Amino acid sequence: MSSIVLTGDTSGTVTVSAPAVAGTRTITLPAATGTAILEDASNNLQMNSGFGSSATAYGCRAWVNIDGTGTVGINASGNVSSITDAATGVFTVNFTNAMPDTNFVISVTSPMFGYDRTNAVARTTTSCQIGTFAYNGNNTDYDPISVLVVR
């Protein structure tokens, strides 16, 4: 097995070209035993995080921390281009880069209750709609509202 030594420079960019042979591309970290990270033949990222074998890693495709009170806004985000205030406690999250399909999972947290509104509005590859509500069941605006999209 051959090895590659990477050395950075002041640009901060290091490029590794794919091997000329088809198949799995593997990175083995020197301190670890066995394969730490690899991309399988189906282009799935796989990792061994101490479980004894590599398995597909499912990453967060988008996330946003919303200030849903007053003039709503994004406190911080990743792969979210904007949010739309659809109604009290109801927001549309617009993705910067589209999802591969609509089979993603949405997790919403707020100081009280958060939910995925796909029962009311169909999700698309470019957006999803979420809501927040209080104990009385009424939709309510909160700060912060956290949304994770995993696929």
N, C-alpha and C. Protein backbone atom coordinates (compact mmCIF):
# COMPACT_ATOMS: atom_id res chain seq x y z
N MET A 1 0.85 -1.18 0.00
CA MET A 1 0.00 0.00 0.00
C MET A 1 0.89 1.23 0.00
N SER A 2 0.57 2.18 -0.84
CA SER A 2 1.32 3.43 -0.87
C SER A 2 0.67 4.44 0.06
N SER A 3 1.37 5.51 0.34
CA SER A 3 0.83 6.54 1.20
C SER A 3 1.07 7.91 0.59
N ILE A 4 0.33 8.87 1.06
CA ILE A 4 0.44 10.25 0.60
C ILE A 4 0.70 11.11 1.82
N VAL A 5 1.65 11.99 1.72
CA VAL A 5 1.91 12.94 2.79
C VAL A 5 1.40 14.28 2.32
N LEU A 6 0.52 14.91 3.09
CA LEU A 6 -0.03 16.21 2.74
C LEU A 6 0.68 17.28 3.56
N THR A 7 1.08 18.32 2.89
CA THR A 7 1.70 19.44 3.56
C THR A 7 0.99 20.70 3.08
N GLY A 8 0.50 21.48 4.02
CA GLY A 8 -0.20 22.70 3.66
C GLY A 8 0.76 23.85 3.42
N ASP A 9 0.25 24.90 2.83
CA ASP A 9 1.02 26.13 2.68
C ASP A 9 0.17 27.28 3.18
N THR A 10 0.60 28.49 2.95
CA THR A 10 -0.12 29.65 3.50
C THR A 10 -1.46 29.90 2.82
N SER A 11 -1.74 29.24 1.68
CA SER A 11 -3.04 29.44 1.03
C SER A 11 -4.16 28.77 1.80
N GLY A 12 -3.83 27.73 2.59
CA GLY A 12 -4.85 27.01 3.34
C GLY A 12 -5.58 25.96 2.53
N THR A 13 -5.16 25.75 1.28
CA THR A 13 -5.83 24.79 0.41
C THR A 13 -4.92 23.60 0.12
N VAL A 14 -5.47 22.41 0.29
CA VAL A 14 -4.76 21.17 -0.06
C VAL A 14 -5.70 20.39 -0.97
N THR A 15 -5.20 19.94 -2.12
CA THR A 15 -6.02 19.18 -3.05
C THR A 15 -5.46 17.78 -3.19
N VAL A 16 -6.33 16.79 -3.09
CA VAL A 16 -5.94 15.39 -3.29
C VAL A 16 -6.73 14.89 -4.49
N SER A 17 -6.04 14.37 -5.48
CA SER A 17 -6.71 13.85 -6.67
C SER A 17 -7.13 12.41 -6.42
N ALA A 18 -8.22 12.01 -7.05
CA ALA A 18 -8.70 10.64 -6.92
C ALA A 18 -7.70 9.69 -7.57
N PRO A 19 -7.60 8.46 -7.08
CA PRO A 19 -6.68 7.51 -7.69
C PRO A 19 -7.12 7.16 -9.10
N ALA A 20 -6.17 6.73 -9.90
CA ALA A 20 -6.47 6.39 -11.30
C ALA A 20 -7.25 5.09 -11.41
N VAL A 21 -7.36 4.35 -10.32
CA VAL A 21 -8.05 3.07 -10.33
C VAL A 21 -9.46 3.25 -9.76
N ALA A 22 -10.44 2.64 -10.40
CA ALA A 22 -11.82 2.73 -9.89
C ALA A 22 -11.92 1.95 -8.59
N GLY A 23 -12.84 2.37 -7.74
CA GLY A 23 -13.06 1.64 -6.49
C GLY A 23 -13.18 2.58 -5.32
N THR A 24 -13.09 2.03 -4.15
CA THR A 24 -13.26 2.78 -2.92
C THR A 24 -12.04 3.66 -2.66
N ARG A 25 -12.28 4.90 -2.27
CA ARG A 25 -11.22 5.83 -1.88
C ARG A 25 -11.21 5.87 -0.36
N THR A 26 -10.07 5.61 0.25
CA THR A 26 -9.98 5.47 1.69
C THR A 26 -8.93 6.41 2.26
N ILE A 27 -9.25 7.02 3.38
CA ILE A 27 -8.28 7.79 4.15
C ILE A 27 -8.14 7.08 5.49
N THR A 28 -6.93 6.70 5.83
CA THR A 28 -6.68 6.07 7.13
C THR A 28 -5.88 7.06 7.96
N LEU A 29 -6.39 7.41 9.10
CA LEU A 29 -5.69 8.34 9.97
C LEU A 29 -4.58 7.61 10.70
N PRO A 30 -3.39 8.20 10.80
CA PRO A 30 -2.24 7.50 11.38
C PRO A 30 -2.45 7.02 12.81
N ALA A 31 -3.17 7.75 13.64
CA ALA A 31 -3.34 7.37 15.04
C ALA A 31 -4.38 6.27 15.21
N ALA A 32 -5.18 6.03 14.18
CA ALA A 32 -6.26 5.04 14.29
C ALA A 32 -5.80 3.70 13.74
N THR A 33 -6.46 2.66 14.17
CA THR A 33 -6.21 1.36 13.58
C THR A 33 -7.35 1.06 12.64
N GLY A 34 -7.05 0.58 11.47
CA GLY A 34 -8.08 0.28 10.49
C GLY A 34 -8.50 1.53 9.75
N THR A 35 -9.59 1.43 9.03
CA THR A 35 -10.08 2.53 8.21
C THR A 35 -10.92 3.48 9.05
N ALA A 36 -10.58 4.76 9.02
CA ALA A 36 -11.32 5.75 9.79
C ALA A 36 -12.43 6.38 8.96
N ILE A 37 -12.12 6.74 7.72
CA ILE A 37 -13.09 7.41 6.85
C ILE A 37 -12.91 6.86 5.44
N LEU A 38 -14.01 6.60 4.75
CA LEU A 38 -13.91 6.18 3.36
C LEU A 38 -15.14 6.59 2.58
N GLU A 39 -15.01 6.60 1.27
CA GLU A 39 -16.14 6.81 0.37
C GLU A 39 -16.32 5.50 -0.37
N ASP A 40 -17.50 4.88 -0.23
CA ASP A 40 -17.70 3.57 -0.85
C ASP A 40 -18.01 3.71 -2.33
N ALA A 41 -18.22 2.58 -3.00
CA ALA A 41 -18.45 2.57 -4.44
C ALA A 41 -19.72 3.31 -4.85
N SER A 42 -20.66 3.51 -3.91
CA SER A 42 -21.89 4.26 -4.20
C SER A 42 -21.77 5.73 -3.81
N ASN A 43 -20.56 6.18 -3.52
CA ASN A 43 -20.27 7.56 -3.12
C ASN A 43 -20.87 7.95 -1.78
N ASN A 44 -21.06 6.97 -0.89
CA ASN A 44 -21.52 7.24 0.46
C ASN A 44 -20.31 7.43 1.35
N LEU A 45 -20.32 8.48 2.17
CA LEU A 45 -19.27 8.70 3.14
C LEU A 45 -19.49 7.73 4.28
N GLN A 46 -18.44 6.98 4.63
CA GLN A 46 -18.54 6.03 5.73
C GLN A 46 -17.47 6.34 6.75
N MET A 47 -17.81 6.12 8.02
CA MET A 47 -16.87 6.39 9.11
C MET A 47 -16.92 5.26 10.13
N ASN A 48 -15.81 5.08 10.82
CA ASN A 48 -15.73 4.17 11.94
C ASN A 48 -15.48 5.04 13.16
N SER A 49 -16.50 5.28 13.92
CA SER A 49 -16.39 6.15 15.09
C SER A 49 -16.32 5.33 16.37
N GLY A 50 -15.48 4.31 16.35
CA GLY A 50 -15.30 3.48 17.53
C GLY A 50 -16.32 2.36 17.66
N PHE A 51 -17.08 2.09 16.61
CA PHE A 51 -18.10 1.04 16.67
C PHE A 51 -17.57 -0.29 16.14
N GLY A 52 -16.32 -0.31 15.67
CA GLY A 52 -15.73 -1.56 15.21
C GLY A 52 -15.81 -1.81 13.73
N SER A 53 -16.64 -1.05 13.02
CA SER A 53 -16.72 -1.18 11.57
C SER A 53 -17.22 0.13 10.99
N SER A 54 -16.94 0.32 9.71
CA SER A 54 -17.39 1.54 9.04
C SER A 54 -18.85 1.41 8.63
N ALA A 55 -19.58 2.50 8.74
CA ALA A 55 -20.99 2.54 8.33
C ALA A 55 -21.26 3.90 7.70
N THR A 56 -22.29 3.98 6.88
CA THR A 56 -22.64 5.23 6.22
C THR A 56 -22.94 6.31 7.25
N ALA A 57 -22.38 7.49 7.02
CA ALA A 57 -22.60 8.64 7.89
C ALA A 57 -23.67 9.53 7.24
N TYR A 58 -24.67 9.89 8.00
CA TYR A 58 -25.74 10.74 7.48
C TYR A 58 -25.53 12.14 8.04
N GLY A 59 -25.25 13.05 7.15
CA GLY A 59 -24.89 14.39 7.59
C GLY A 59 -26.06 15.35 7.66
N CYS A 60 -25.86 16.39 8.39
CA CYS A 60 -26.82 17.49 8.46
C CYS A 60 -26.72 18.25 7.14
N ARG A 61 -27.79 18.27 6.35
CA ARG A 61 -27.79 18.93 5.05
C ARG A 61 -28.09 20.42 5.15
N ALA A 62 -28.79 20.81 6.23
CA ALA A 62 -29.09 22.23 6.44
C ALA A 62 -29.43 22.43 7.92
N TRP A 63 -29.16 23.63 8.42
CA TRP A 63 -29.53 23.96 9.79
C TRP A 63 -29.73 25.47 9.87
N VAL A 64 -30.58 25.87 10.80
CA VAL A 64 -30.80 27.30 10.98
C VAL A 64 -31.25 27.57 12.41
N ASN A 65 -30.79 28.68 12.95
CA ASN A 65 -31.22 29.19 14.24
C ASN A 65 -31.99 30.48 13.94
N ILE A 66 -33.27 30.46 14.21
CA ILE A 66 -34.18 31.54 13.82
C ILE A 66 -34.58 32.38 15.03
N ASP A 67 -34.60 33.70 14.84
CA ASP A 67 -35.25 34.60 15.79
C ASP A 67 -36.65 34.80 15.22
N GLY A 68 -37.63 34.12 15.81
CA GLY A 68 -38.99 34.13 15.28
C GLY A 68 -39.87 35.19 15.90
N THR A 69 -39.29 36.15 16.62
CA THR A 69 -40.09 37.20 17.26
C THR A 69 -39.82 38.54 16.59
N GLY A 70 -40.82 39.42 16.63
CA GLY A 70 -40.65 40.76 16.03
C GLY A 70 -40.33 40.64 14.55
N THR A 71 -39.27 41.33 14.12
CA THR A 71 -38.79 41.18 12.75
C THR A 71 -37.98 39.91 12.71
N VAL A 72 -38.56 38.86 12.11
CA VAL A 72 -37.90 37.55 12.13
C VAL A 72 -36.61 37.60 11.35
N GLY A 73 -35.66 36.77 11.76
CA GLY A 73 -34.38 36.74 11.07
C GLY A 73 -33.62 35.48 11.40
N ILE A 74 -32.52 35.33 10.70
CA ILE A 74 -31.63 34.18 10.90
C ILE A 74 -30.49 34.62 11.82
N ASN A 75 -30.37 33.92 12.96
CA ASN A 75 -29.24 34.18 13.86
C ASN A 75 -27.96 33.56 13.30
N ALA A 76 -28.06 32.36 12.76
CA ALA A 76 -26.95 31.64 12.15
C ALA A 76 -27.53 30.50 11.34
N SER A 77 -26.79 30.03 10.31
CA SER A 77 -27.34 28.96 9.48
C SER A 77 -26.26 28.30 8.63
N GLY A 78 -26.63 27.18 8.05
CA GLY A 78 -25.82 26.48 7.06
C GLY A 78 -26.74 25.92 6.00
N ASN A 79 -26.48 26.22 4.74
CA ASN A 79 -27.30 25.80 3.59
C ASN A 79 -28.74 26.30 3.68
N VAL A 80 -28.94 27.44 4.31
CA VAL A 80 -30.26 28.09 4.35
C VAL A 80 -30.08 29.49 3.77
N SER A 81 -30.81 29.77 2.68
CA SER A 81 -30.68 31.08 2.02
C SER A 81 -31.54 32.13 2.68
N SER A 82 -32.71 31.72 3.19
CA SER A 82 -33.62 32.68 3.80
C SER A 82 -34.74 31.94 4.53
N ILE A 83 -35.49 32.68 5.32
CA ILE A 83 -36.70 32.15 5.94
C ILE A 83 -37.84 33.10 5.60
N THR A 84 -39.03 32.55 5.57
CA THR A 84 -40.22 33.36 5.31
C THR A 84 -41.17 33.19 6.48
N ASP A 85 -41.65 34.30 7.01
CA ASP A 85 -42.63 34.29 8.10
C ASP A 85 -44.00 34.08 7.47
N ALA A 86 -44.50 32.84 7.51
CA ALA A 86 -45.76 32.49 6.83
C ALA A 86 -46.99 32.87 7.66
N ALA A 87 -46.87 32.81 8.99
CA ALA A 87 -47.96 33.14 9.91
C ALA A 87 -47.37 33.10 11.32
N THR A 88 -48.18 33.40 12.33
CA THR A 88 -47.69 33.32 13.69
C THR A 88 -47.21 31.90 13.97
N GLY A 89 -45.92 31.77 14.32
CA GLY A 89 -45.36 30.46 14.64
C GLY A 89 -45.17 29.54 13.45
N VAL A 90 -45.27 30.04 12.23
CA VAL A 90 -45.11 29.22 11.03
C VAL A 90 -44.07 29.88 10.13
N PHE A 91 -43.04 29.09 9.73
CA PHE A 91 -41.94 29.63 8.95
C PHE A 91 -41.60 28.68 7.82
N THR A 92 -41.23 29.23 6.67
CA THR A 92 -40.71 28.45 5.57
C THR A 92 -39.20 28.62 5.55
N VAL A 93 -38.49 27.51 5.53
CA VAL A 93 -37.03 27.50 5.49
C VAL A 93 -36.62 27.20 4.05
N ASN A 94 -35.91 28.12 3.42
CA ASN A 94 -35.49 27.98 2.03
C ASN A 94 -34.02 27.57 1.98
N PHE A 95 -33.73 26.51 1.22
CA PHE A 95 -32.38 25.97 1.15
C PHE A 95 -31.54 26.68 0.09
N THR A 96 -30.27 26.87 0.38
CA THR A 96 -29.33 27.43 -0.60
C THR A 96 -29.10 26.42 -1.71
N ASN A 97 -28.81 25.18 -1.34
CA ASN A 97 -28.62 24.08 -2.30
C ASN A 97 -29.74 23.07 -2.08
N ALA A 98 -30.39 22.68 -3.15
CA ALA A 98 -31.54 21.78 -3.06
C ALA A 98 -31.15 20.42 -2.49
N MET A 99 -32.11 19.79 -1.83
CA MET A 99 -31.95 18.43 -1.34
C MET A 99 -32.05 17.48 -2.54
N PRO A 100 -31.48 16.27 -2.46
CA PRO A 100 -31.56 15.34 -3.58
C PRO A 100 -32.98 14.83 -3.84
N ASP A 101 -33.82 14.84 -2.79
CA ASP A 101 -35.22 14.42 -2.91
C ASP A 101 -35.94 14.95 -1.67
N THR A 102 -37.19 14.57 -1.49
CA THR A 102 -37.97 15.08 -0.35
C THR A 102 -38.00 14.11 0.83
N ASN A 103 -37.11 13.14 0.84
CA ASN A 103 -37.09 12.14 1.91
C ASN A 103 -36.17 12.53 3.06
N PHE A 104 -36.04 13.82 3.34
CA PHE A 104 -35.19 14.28 4.43
C PHE A 104 -35.99 14.34 5.73
N VAL A 105 -35.28 14.39 6.84
CA VAL A 105 -35.89 14.45 8.17
C VAL A 105 -35.69 15.86 8.72
N ILE A 106 -36.73 16.39 9.34
CA ILE A 106 -36.67 17.73 9.92
C ILE A 106 -36.86 17.60 11.43
N SER A 107 -35.97 18.26 12.17
CA SER A 107 -36.10 18.32 13.62
C SER A 107 -36.20 19.79 14.01
N VAL A 108 -37.22 20.12 14.79
CA VAL A 108 -37.45 21.50 15.20
C VAL A 108 -37.48 21.58 16.72
N THR A 109 -36.70 22.49 17.28
CA THR A 109 -36.75 22.73 18.73
C THR A 109 -36.98 24.21 18.97
N SER A 110 -37.72 24.49 20.01
CA SER A 110 -37.99 25.86 20.43
C SER A 110 -38.17 25.84 21.95
N PRO A 111 -38.31 27.01 22.59
CA PRO A 111 -38.51 26.99 24.04
C PRO A 111 -39.73 26.17 24.48
N MET A 112 -40.69 25.96 23.60
CA MET A 112 -41.84 25.11 23.95
C MET A 112 -41.88 23.91 23.01
N PHE A 113 -42.64 23.97 21.93
CA PHE A 113 -42.81 22.84 21.02
C PHE A 113 -42.56 23.28 19.58
N GLY A 114 -41.91 22.41 18.81
CA GLY A 114 -41.69 22.68 17.40
C GLY A 114 -42.12 21.47 16.59
N TYR A 115 -42.50 21.70 15.33
CA TYR A 115 -42.95 20.58 14.51
C TYR A 115 -42.70 20.84 13.03
N ASP A 116 -42.64 19.74 12.27
CA ASP A 116 -42.51 19.72 10.83
C ASP A 116 -43.93 19.82 10.26
N ARG A 117 -44.20 20.81 9.43
CA ARG A 117 -45.57 21.03 8.93
C ARG A 117 -45.89 20.26 7.66
N THR A 118 -45.21 19.16 7.38
CA THR A 118 -45.48 18.45 6.13
C THR A 118 -46.87 17.84 6.09
N ASN A 119 -47.53 17.76 7.25
CA ASN A 119 -48.92 17.30 7.23
C ASN A 119 -49.83 18.37 6.65
N ALA A 120 -49.40 19.63 6.70
CA ALA A 120 -50.22 20.74 6.19
C ALA A 120 -49.72 21.26 4.85
N VAL A 121 -48.40 21.23 4.64
CA VAL A 121 -47.80 21.79 3.43
C VAL A 121 -46.76 20.79 2.93
N ALA A 122 -46.84 20.40 1.67
CA ALA A 122 -45.88 19.43 1.12
C ALA A 122 -44.49 20.04 1.09
N ARG A 123 -43.50 19.28 1.55
CA ARG A 123 -42.12 19.75 1.47
C ARG A 123 -41.63 19.62 0.04
N THR A 124 -40.64 20.41 -0.31
CA THR A 124 -40.03 20.34 -1.63
C THR A 124 -38.53 20.14 -1.46
N THR A 125 -37.83 19.99 -2.55
CA THR A 125 -36.38 19.85 -2.47
C THR A 125 -35.70 21.19 -2.15
N THR A 126 -36.44 22.29 -2.27
CA THR A 126 -35.85 23.62 -2.05
C THR A 126 -36.31 24.30 -0.77
N SER A 127 -37.29 23.72 -0.06
CA SER A 127 -37.77 24.34 1.17
C SER A 127 -38.57 23.36 2.02
N CYS A 128 -38.77 23.75 3.27
CA CYS A 128 -39.67 23.01 4.15
C CYS A 128 -40.36 24.03 5.05
N GLN A 129 -41.46 23.64 5.62
CA GLN A 129 -42.18 24.55 6.51
C GLN A 129 -42.23 23.95 7.90
N ILE A 130 -41.99 24.80 8.90
CA ILE A 130 -41.98 24.34 10.29
C ILE A 130 -42.91 25.23 11.10
N GLY A 131 -43.25 24.77 12.29
CA GLY A 131 -44.11 25.56 13.16
C GLY A 131 -43.71 25.42 14.61
N THR A 132 -44.14 26.36 15.44
CA THR A 132 -43.91 26.31 16.88
C THR A 132 -45.21 26.65 17.59
N PHE A 133 -45.44 26.00 18.74
CA PHE A 133 -46.68 26.27 19.46
C PHE A 133 -46.46 26.14 20.95
N ALA A 134 -47.42 26.65 21.70
CA ALA A 134 -47.37 26.66 23.17
C ALA A 134 -48.24 25.54 23.73
N TYR A 135 -48.26 25.43 25.06
CA TYR A 135 -49.06 24.39 25.74
C TYR A 135 -50.53 24.44 25.35
N ASN A 136 -51.07 25.63 25.09
CA ASN A 136 -52.49 25.75 24.75
C ASN A 136 -52.79 25.32 23.32
N GLY A 137 -51.74 24.95 22.56
CA GLY A 137 -51.94 24.49 21.19
C GLY A 137 -51.92 25.59 20.15
N ASN A 138 -51.85 26.85 20.57
CA ASN A 138 -51.81 27.96 19.62
C ASN A 138 -50.39 28.16 19.09
N ASN A 139 -50.28 28.40 17.78
CA ASN A 139 -48.97 28.71 17.21
C ASN A 139 -48.45 29.99 17.85
N THR A 140 -47.16 29.99 18.20
CA THR A 140 -46.53 31.10 18.90
C THR A 140 -45.14 31.33 18.33
N ASP A 141 -44.74 32.60 18.21
CA ASP A 141 -43.39 32.94 17.77
C ASP A 141 -42.42 32.82 18.94
N TYR A 142 -41.22 32.30 18.69
CA TYR A 142 -40.20 32.13 19.72
C TYR A 142 -38.84 32.59 19.21
N ASP A 143 -37.94 32.81 20.14
CA ASP A 143 -36.53 33.02 19.86
C ASP A 143 -35.75 32.31 20.96
N PRO A 144 -34.94 31.36 20.63
CA PRO A 144 -34.61 30.88 19.28
C PRO A 144 -35.46 29.68 18.87
N ILE A 145 -35.49 29.45 17.57
CA ILE A 145 -36.06 28.24 16.99
C ILE A 145 -34.92 27.59 16.23
N SER A 146 -34.67 26.32 16.51
CA SER A 146 -33.57 25.60 15.84
C SER A 146 -34.15 24.54 14.93
N VAL A 147 -33.62 24.48 13.70
CA VAL A 147 -34.10 23.52 12.71
C VAL A 147 -32.90 22.77 12.15
N LEU A 148 -32.99 21.43 12.12
CA LEU A 148 -31.98 20.57 11.52
C LEU A 148 -32.62 19.77 10.40
N VAL A 149 -31.94 19.67 9.28
CA VAL A 149 -32.42 18.86 8.15
C VAL A 149 -31.35 17.82 7.87
N VAL A 150 -31.73 16.54 8.00
CA VAL A 150 -30.79 15.44 7.83
C VAL A 150 -31.26 14.57 6.69
N ARG A 151 -30.32 14.13 5.86
CA ARG A 151 -30.62 13.22 4.74
C ARG A 151 -29.45 12.31 4.53
